[in-house]
Amino acid sequence: MPKKDTTMLKVGQLARHTGLTVRTLHHYDSIGLLSPSARSDAGYRLYSRDDVARLQQIQALRQLGMPLADIGTCLASSGISPLTIIDRQLAALDRQIDEAARVRAQLVHMRQQLRDGETPELASWLTTLEHMTMYDKYFSKDELAKLALYQDDAVKNEWRQLVDEVDRQMKSDSAPETPAARELGMRWMTMLERDTGGDPSVMARLNIMHEKEPGLAQSTGITPAIKDFIMRVMGEIKLDAWSRHLTADELAQMRRHQQTRGKEWPPLIEAISREIAADPTAASVDAKLLAGQWMDLFHDMVGHHPDTLPRFRHAIESEPLLRVGRGMTDEMLAWLRQALHRA
C-alpha cells in the first residue's frame, strides 16, 4: 500500500507554489470553496494534498470559463471528477496547439513565397493573414475547407454585394418591415443556409466570431450596425410566419425575447454542439447545466402556458421558413431532453 502523503502547506507556501495571492486563498476559504483541512497550533491555515488537488480543479474550471459562483456546485456534484477536469484541460490545450500549428504552417508558406521572389501587396498580405487567423480561432481545418464563405471568391463577392445592398437600404430606410428590407433578409437567410450547409454549430460560431472580432468588419463589410439591422429584418420575417400559429400576446413575448436575449442563443447552441460531441449520452454535469440554460431561454421566448407548446411545434413542422437557420436541430433537442430526464 502506498504511503499516505501527510505534507501540509501553510497558506503563504501554497500561494508561492501556485502563483495565487494569499488574499485569493482567504477568499476561497471565506466562501466555502476551498477550506484548509487543518489549522496549526498558532491558528495558521494548513492545506493537505487533497486540498491542493481541489485547488487544481477550481483553477482549471476557472480557466475553462466557469464562473466562480458555479464552481462549488459543480464540484459538489457526483457527475464530475478530477479525471474529467484534466481531460477538459487537455482538450483545451490540444485546441491551442492545433491553432498554433495552423499559424505556423501559414508563416512557413509566407516565408516560402518570399524565398521564391513573390511580393504580394503588404496590405493584402496582412489582411489575408488576419482574416485566416480569425477564422482559425473558430473553425477546424476540415471545416474551413468546406466553408464557402472562406474558400470561394465568387461566394465572397456575392456576400459583399449583398452587404452593400443592405447598407444602402439601412441608410435610406431603416425600417425592417419594408418589402425591400425583407427581400434582402430572405436572400441573407437563404445564402447563409446554403454557405454553411445548414450546420447550426457553424452558424453559431460565425455569429460569435462577428461579435468578438471587430477587425472582421474590415474584410466582410458586416459592421455591427448592419448585423443588428439584418437580424431585426430576419426576426420580422419569422414573426410573420409565427403569427399564423401564435396569439398576439405570444408574438409580443417572442419579439421582446429577440430584442433582450436573442444574442444568448448562438453561444448556447455552440456549447451544446461541443458537449454533444464530448458526451453523446448527456450524462455529464455540463449537459445538465446546458439543458437548464436552454429551458430558461426557451420559456423566456414562448412562456409557460401549456397551450403554446403544441402550436409552437406545429409551426416548426408546417412552416419551412422557420426551419431555415433555426439553430436547434432535432438531435440537439433530443439530447437536451435526455439531459433533463437525467437531472
Protein backbone atom coordinates (compact mmCIF):
# COMPACT_ATOMS: atom_id res chain seq x y z
CA MET A 1 0.00 0.00 0.00
CA PRO A 2 1.45 3.42 -0.93
CA LYS A 3 2.45 5.64 1.93
CA LYS A 4 -0.01 8.44 2.61
CA ASP A 5 1.30 11.92 1.89
CA THR A 6 0.97 13.90 5.14
CA THR A 7 2.73 17.07 3.92
CA MET A 8 0.84 20.20 4.91
CA LEU A 9 1.39 23.65 3.40
CA LYS A 10 0.79 26.98 5.07
CA VAL A 11 -1.26 29.50 3.12
CA GLY A 12 1.83 31.54 2.18
CA GLN A 13 3.63 28.44 0.90
CA LEU A 14 0.63 27.42 -1.16
CA ALA A 15 0.38 30.92 -2.59
CA ARG A 16 4.05 30.88 -3.65
CA HIS A 17 3.76 27.45 -5.29
CA THR A 18 0.59 28.29 -7.23
CA GLY A 19 1.13 31.94 -8.14
CA LEU A 20 -2.11 32.87 -6.37
CA THR A 21 -2.29 35.57 -3.72
CA VAL A 22 -2.89 34.87 -0.06
CA ARG A 23 -5.94 37.13 -0.34
CA THR A 24 -7.39 34.88 -3.07
CA LEU A 25 -6.92 31.77 -0.93
CA HIS A 26 -8.51 33.54 2.05
CA HIS A 27 -11.44 34.49 -0.20
CA TYR A 28 -11.88 30.88 -1.35
CA ASP A 29 -11.99 29.87 2.31
CA SER A 30 -14.50 32.58 3.24
CA ILE A 31 -16.98 31.48 0.54
CA GLY A 32 -16.56 27.79 1.36
CA LEU A 33 -14.92 26.93 -1.95
CA LEU A 34 -11.59 25.75 -0.53
CA SER A 35 -11.27 25.39 3.24
CA PRO A 36 -7.98 24.08 4.66
CA SER A 37 -8.07 20.64 6.23
CA ALA A 38 -6.32 21.75 9.40
CA ARG A 39 -5.01 24.61 11.48
CA SER A 40 -1.68 24.85 13.27
CA ASP A 41 -1.47 25.42 16.99
CA ALA A 42 -0.94 29.07 16.20
CA GLY A 43 -4.10 29.14 14.05
CA TYR A 44 -2.45 29.15 10.62
CA ARG A 45 -4.30 27.51 7.73
CA LEU A 46 -2.76 24.17 6.70
CA TYR A 47 -3.52 22.66 3.30
CA SER A 48 -3.25 18.92 2.55
CA ARG A 49 -2.65 17.08 -0.71
CA ASP A 50 -6.43 16.72 -1.17
CA ASP A 51 -6.85 20.46 -0.65
CA VAL A 52 -4.25 21.16 -3.33
CA ALA A 53 -5.96 18.72 -5.68
CA ARG A 54 -9.25 20.57 -5.16
CA LEU A 55 -7.49 23.88 -5.82
CA GLN A 56 -6.22 22.49 -9.12
CA GLN A 57 -9.80 21.63 -10.08
CA ILE A 58 -11.02 25.09 -9.09
CA GLN A 59 -8.37 26.85 -11.17
CA ALA A 60 -8.92 24.50 -14.12
CA LEU A 61 -12.65 25.23 -14.16
CA ARG A 62 -11.96 28.96 -13.96
CA GLN A 63 -9.63 28.70 -16.97
CA LEU A 64 -12.33 26.80 -18.83
CA GLY A 65 -14.65 29.76 -18.33
CA MET A 66 -16.86 28.65 -15.43
CA PRO A 67 -17.95 31.49 -13.11
CA LEU A 68 -16.56 31.25 -9.57
CA ALA A 69 -20.10 31.19 -8.18
CA ASP A 70 -20.87 27.97 -10.10
CA ILE A 71 -17.66 26.06 -9.33
CA GLY A 72 -18.64 24.96 -5.82
CA THR A 73 -21.92 23.49 -7.08
CA CYS A 74 -20.13 21.78 -9.93
CA LEU A 75 -17.51 20.18 -7.69
CA ALA A 76 -20.16 19.08 -5.21
CA SER A 77 -21.90 17.07 -7.93
CA SER A 78 -21.06 13.41 -8.26
CA GLY A 79 -21.08 13.79 -12.03
CA ILE A 80 -17.67 15.42 -12.26
CA SER A 81 -14.29 14.05 -11.27
CA PRO A 82 -10.64 15.21 -11.26
CA LEU A 83 -10.06 12.97 -14.29
CA THR A 84 -12.88 14.67 -16.19
CA ILE A 85 -11.49 18.12 -15.42
CA ILE A 86 -7.98 17.13 -16.56
CA ASP A 87 -9.46 15.67 -19.75
CA ARG A 88 -11.11 19.02 -20.43
CA GLN A 89 -7.86 20.87 -19.78
CA LEU A 90 -6.06 18.59 -22.21
CA ALA A 91 -8.75 19.14 -24.84
CA ALA A 92 -8.43 22.91 -24.44
CA LEU A 93 -4.63 22.70 -24.75
CA ASP A 94 -4.97 20.49 -27.82
CA ARG A 95 -7.12 23.17 -29.47
CA GLN A 96 -4.47 25.79 -28.67
CA ILE A 97 -1.74 23.55 -30.09
CA ASP A 98 -3.77 22.96 -33.26
CA GLU A 99 -4.29 26.70 -33.67
CA ALA A 100 -0.56 27.37 -33.19
CA ALA A 101 0.26 24.65 -35.75
CA ARG A 102 -2.04 26.26 -38.33
CA VAL A 103 -0.49 29.68 -37.75
CA ARG A 104 2.97 28.15 -38.11
CA ALA A 105 2.00 26.48 -41.38
CA GLN A 106 0.79 29.81 -42.72
CA LEU A 107 4.04 31.52 -41.71
CA VAL A 108 6.08 28.77 -43.40
CA HIS A 109 4.04 29.30 -46.58
CA MET A 110 4.64 33.06 -46.44
CA ARG A 111 8.37 32.51 -45.92
CA GLN A 112 8.48 30.29 -49.00
CA GLN A 113 6.71 32.96 -51.03
CA LEU A 114 9.41 35.44 -50.07
CA ARG A 115 12.17 32.96 -50.93
CA ASP A 116 10.59 32.46 -54.36
CA GLY A 117 10.68 36.18 -55.00
CA GLU A 118 6.94 36.74 -54.72
CA THR A 119 5.99 40.19 -53.44
CA PRO A 120 2.29 40.45 -52.60
CA GLU A 121 0.93 43.80 -51.55
CA LEU A 122 1.61 44.30 -47.85
CA ALA A 123 -1.91 45.46 -47.03
CA SER A 124 -3.43 42.48 -48.83
CA TRP A 125 -0.94 40.15 -47.17
CA LEU A 126 -1.69 41.37 -43.65
CA THR A 127 -5.44 41.46 -44.22
CA THR A 128 -5.42 37.89 -45.52
CA LEU A 129 -3.32 36.71 -42.60
CA GLU A 130 -5.55 38.46 -40.07
CA HIS A 131 -8.66 37.02 -41.72
CA MET A 132 -7.27 33.49 -41.73
CA THR A 133 -6.11 33.75 -38.14
CA MET A 134 -9.54 34.95 -37.03
CA TYR A 135 -11.26 32.07 -38.81
CA ASP A 136 -8.73 29.60 -37.40
CA LYS A 137 -9.81 30.53 -33.89
CA TYR A 138 -13.33 29.30 -34.54
CA PHE A 139 -13.16 26.56 -37.18
CA SER A 140 -11.12 23.42 -37.75
CA LYS A 141 -9.07 22.91 -40.89
CA ASP A 142 -11.67 20.48 -42.25
CA GLU A 143 -14.49 22.94 -41.57
CA LEU A 144 -12.62 25.75 -43.31
CA ALA A 145 -12.09 23.52 -46.35
CA LYS A 146 -15.89 23.18 -46.66
CA LEU A 147 -16.83 26.74 -45.73
CA ALA A 148 -17.72 28.55 -48.93
CA LEU A 149 -17.70 31.89 -47.13
CA TYR A 150 -13.99 31.35 -46.51
CA GLN A 151 -12.79 29.47 -49.59
CA ASP A 152 -14.81 30.62 -52.61
CA ASP A 153 -14.03 34.06 -54.09
CA ALA A 154 -17.30 34.08 -56.05
CA VAL A 155 -19.24 33.49 -52.84
CA LYS A 156 -17.27 36.21 -51.06
CA ASN A 157 -18.13 38.66 -53.86
CA GLU A 158 -21.79 37.66 -53.72
CA TRP A 159 -21.84 38.34 -49.99
CA ARG A 160 -20.02 41.65 -50.41
CA GLN A 161 -22.65 42.75 -52.93
CA LEU A 162 -25.48 41.75 -50.58
CA VAL A 163 -23.83 43.54 -47.64
CA ASP A 164 -23.52 46.71 -49.76
CA GLU A 165 -27.21 46.49 -50.67
CA VAL A 166 -28.19 46.03 -47.02
CA ASP A 167 -26.03 49.02 -46.07
CA ARG A 168 -27.75 51.22 -48.68
CA GLN A 169 -31.19 50.03 -47.61
CA MET A 170 -30.40 50.63 -43.95
CA LYS A 171 -29.24 54.19 -44.67
CA SER A 172 -32.18 55.04 -46.92
CA ASP A 173 -34.93 53.44 -44.83
CA SER A 174 -34.06 51.80 -41.52
CA ALA A 175 -37.47 50.15 -41.03
CA PRO A 176 -37.01 46.35 -41.14
CA GLU A 177 -40.68 45.85 -42.08
CA THR A 178 -40.38 47.32 -45.59
CA PRO A 179 -40.69 44.97 -48.61
CA ALA A 180 -37.21 45.92 -49.84
CA ALA A 181 -35.65 45.11 -46.45
CA ARG A 182 -37.50 41.80 -46.27
CA GLU A 183 -36.32 40.80 -49.73
CA LEU A 184 -32.72 41.38 -48.60
CA GLY A 185 -33.41 39.45 -45.39
CA MET A 186 -34.71 36.46 -47.34
CA ARG A 187 -31.59 36.49 -49.54
CA TRP A 188 -29.39 36.67 -46.43
CA MET A 189 -31.14 33.72 -44.79
CA THR A 190 -31.02 31.63 -47.98
CA MET A 191 -27.34 32.31 -48.64
CA LEU A 192 -26.35 31.69 -45.03
CA GLU A 193 -28.15 28.34 -45.06
CA ARG A 194 -26.51 27.44 -48.37
CA ASP A 195 -22.96 28.50 -47.48
CA THR A 196 -22.87 26.86 -44.05
CA GLY A 197 -24.56 23.66 -45.18
CA GLY A 198 -27.29 24.40 -42.65
CA ASP A 199 -24.91 23.44 -39.82
CA PRO A 200 -26.17 25.19 -36.65
CA SER A 201 -22.77 24.99 -34.97
CA VAL A 202 -21.08 26.72 -37.92
CA MET A 203 -23.79 29.40 -37.99
CA ALA A 204 -23.41 29.95 -34.26
CA ARG A 205 -19.63 30.29 -34.48
CA LEU A 206 -19.90 32.75 -37.38
CA ASN A 207 -22.19 34.83 -35.21
CA ILE A 208 -19.82 34.59 -32.23
CA MET A 209 -16.84 35.48 -34.43
CA HIS A 210 -18.55 38.64 -35.65
CA GLU A 211 -19.34 39.58 -32.05
CA LYS A 212 -15.80 39.03 -30.77
CA GLU A 213 -13.64 40.10 -33.74
CA PRO A 214 -14.18 43.78 -34.61
CA GLY A 215 -11.49 43.57 -37.31
CA LEU A 216 -13.65 41.16 -39.31
CA ALA A 217 -15.87 44.04 -40.41
CA GLN A 218 -12.99 45.41 -42.49
CA SER A 219 -12.82 42.33 -44.72
CA THR A 220 -16.55 41.43 -44.80
CA GLY A 221 -18.15 44.86 -44.59
CA ILE A 222 -20.56 43.50 -41.97
CA THR A 223 -20.48 46.23 -39.36
CA PRO A 224 -22.30 45.83 -36.01
CA ALA A 225 -24.99 48.21 -37.32
CA ILE A 226 -25.54 46.11 -40.46
CA LYS A 227 -25.59 42.90 -38.43
CA ASP A 228 -28.15 44.30 -35.97
CA PHE A 229 -30.32 45.60 -38.83
CA ILE A 230 -30.37 42.34 -40.78
CA MET A 231 -31.09 40.38 -37.58
CA ARG A 232 -34.12 42.62 -37.00
CA VAL A 233 -35.25 42.10 -40.58
CA MET A 234 -34.96 38.31 -40.33
CA GLY A 235 -36.75 38.45 -36.99
CA GLU A 236 -39.68 40.27 -38.60
CA ILE A 237 -39.80 37.73 -41.44
CA LYS A 238 -40.02 34.84 -39.00
CA LEU A 239 -42.53 36.64 -36.77
CA ASP A 240 -44.82 36.83 -39.79
CA ALA A 241 -44.65 33.04 -40.06
CA TRP A 242 -45.19 32.64 -36.32
CA SER A 243 -48.23 34.94 -36.48
CA ARG A 244 -50.17 32.24 -38.34
CA HIS A 245 -49.89 29.98 -35.28
CA LEU A 246 -49.42 32.10 -32.14
CA THR A 247 -51.55 34.65 -30.33
CA ALA A 248 -50.80 38.38 -30.23
CA ASP A 249 -49.52 38.09 -26.64
CA GLU A 250 -47.26 35.17 -27.57
CA LEU A 251 -45.87 37.12 -30.53
CA ALA A 252 -45.22 40.12 -28.28
CA GLN A 253 -43.31 37.90 -25.87
CA MET A 254 -41.27 36.41 -28.72
CA ARG A 255 -40.45 39.89 -30.06
CA ARG A 256 -39.34 41.02 -26.59
CA HIS A 257 -37.19 37.89 -26.27
CA GLN A 258 -35.49 38.60 -29.61
CA GLN A 259 -34.66 42.12 -28.51
CA THR A 260 -33.45 41.33 -25.00
CA ARG A 261 -32.00 37.81 -25.08
CA GLY A 262 -31.68 36.81 -28.72
CA LYS A 263 -27.89 37.12 -28.62
CA GLU A 264 -27.69 34.40 -25.97
CA TRP A 265 -28.68 31.67 -28.45
CA PRO A 266 -25.51 31.37 -30.63
CA PRO A 267 -23.05 30.72 -27.76
CA LEU A 268 -25.53 28.30 -26.18
CA ILE A 269 -26.02 26.41 -29.46
CA GLU A 270 -22.27 26.15 -29.93
CA ALA A 271 -21.75 24.95 -26.36
CA ILE A 272 -24.46 22.31 -26.86
CA SER A 273 -22.82 21.15 -30.11
CA ARG A 274 -19.46 20.74 -28.38
CA GLU A 275 -20.95 18.89 -25.43
CA ILE A 276 -22.92 16.51 -27.66
CA ALA A 277 -19.62 15.55 -29.33
CA ALA A 278 -17.95 15.06 -25.94
CA ASP A 279 -20.88 13.40 -24.18
CA PRO A 280 -23.43 11.82 -26.57
CA THR A 281 -25.35 10.22 -23.68
CA ALA A 282 -26.00 13.59 -21.95
CA ALA A 283 -24.81 12.16 -18.63
CA SER A 284 -22.36 14.91 -17.61
CA VAL A 285 -22.88 17.84 -15.27
CA ASP A 286 -22.27 20.19 -18.18
CA ALA A 287 -25.11 18.53 -20.10
CA LYS A 288 -27.49 19.20 -17.22
CA LEU A 289 -26.31 22.81 -16.91
CA LEU A 290 -26.74 23.42 -20.65
CA ALA A 291 -30.19 21.83 -20.61
CA GLY A 292 -31.16 24.17 -17.78
CA GLN A 293 -29.90 27.20 -19.74
CA TRP A 294 -31.82 26.06 -22.82
CA MET A 295 -35.03 25.59 -20.81
CA ASP A 296 -34.67 29.06 -19.29
CA LEU A 297 -34.17 30.70 -22.71
CA PHE A 298 -36.93 28.68 -24.35
CA HIS A 299 -39.52 29.63 -21.73
CA ASP A 300 -38.40 33.25 -21.89
CA MET A 301 -39.22 33.06 -25.60
CA VAL A 302 -42.54 31.18 -25.55
CA GLY A 303 -43.75 31.43 -21.95
CA HIS A 304 -45.16 28.64 -19.80
CA HIS A 305 -48.77 28.30 -20.98
CA PRO A 306 -49.49 24.62 -21.78
CA ASP A 307 -51.43 25.52 -24.96
CA THR A 308 -48.48 27.33 -26.53
CA LEU A 309 -46.05 24.44 -26.96
CA PRO A 310 -48.23 22.28 -29.30
CA ARG A 311 -48.84 25.28 -31.56
CA PHE A 312 -45.15 26.19 -31.44
CA ARG A 313 -44.20 22.67 -32.56
CA HIS A 314 -46.85 22.66 -35.29
CA ALA A 315 -45.49 25.95 -36.62
CA ILE A 316 -41.97 24.50 -36.85
CA GLU A 317 -43.29 21.42 -38.67
CA SER A 318 -45.56 23.27 -41.10
CA GLU A 319 -43.55 26.42 -41.90
CA PRO A 320 -40.35 25.66 -43.89
CA LEU A 321 -39.18 29.23 -43.33
CA LEU A 322 -38.98 28.65 -39.58
CA ARG A 323 -36.53 25.79 -40.12
CA VAL A 324 -34.10 27.97 -42.11
CA GLY A 325 -31.25 28.96 -39.82
CA ARG A 326 -33.22 27.51 -36.91
CA GLY A 327 -30.10 26.71 -34.89
CA MET A 328 -31.56 23.94 -32.77
CA THR A 329 -31.71 20.59 -34.58
CA ASP A 330 -33.94 17.65 -33.65
CA GLU A 331 -30.78 15.83 -32.49
CA MET A 332 -29.95 18.67 -30.11
CA LEU A 333 -33.46 18.78 -28.71
CA ALA A 334 -33.49 15.02 -28.11
CA TRP A 335 -30.11 15.29 -26.34
CA LEU A 336 -31.34 18.17 -24.17
CA ARG A 337 -34.47 16.27 -23.16
CA GLN A 338 -32.28 13.30 -22.25
CA ALA A 339 -30.13 15.57 -20.06
CA LEU A 340 -33.23 16.97 -18.35
CA HIS A 341 -34.54 13.46 -17.76
CA ARG A 342 -31.27 12.51 -16.05
CA ALA A 343 -31.28 15.62 -13.83
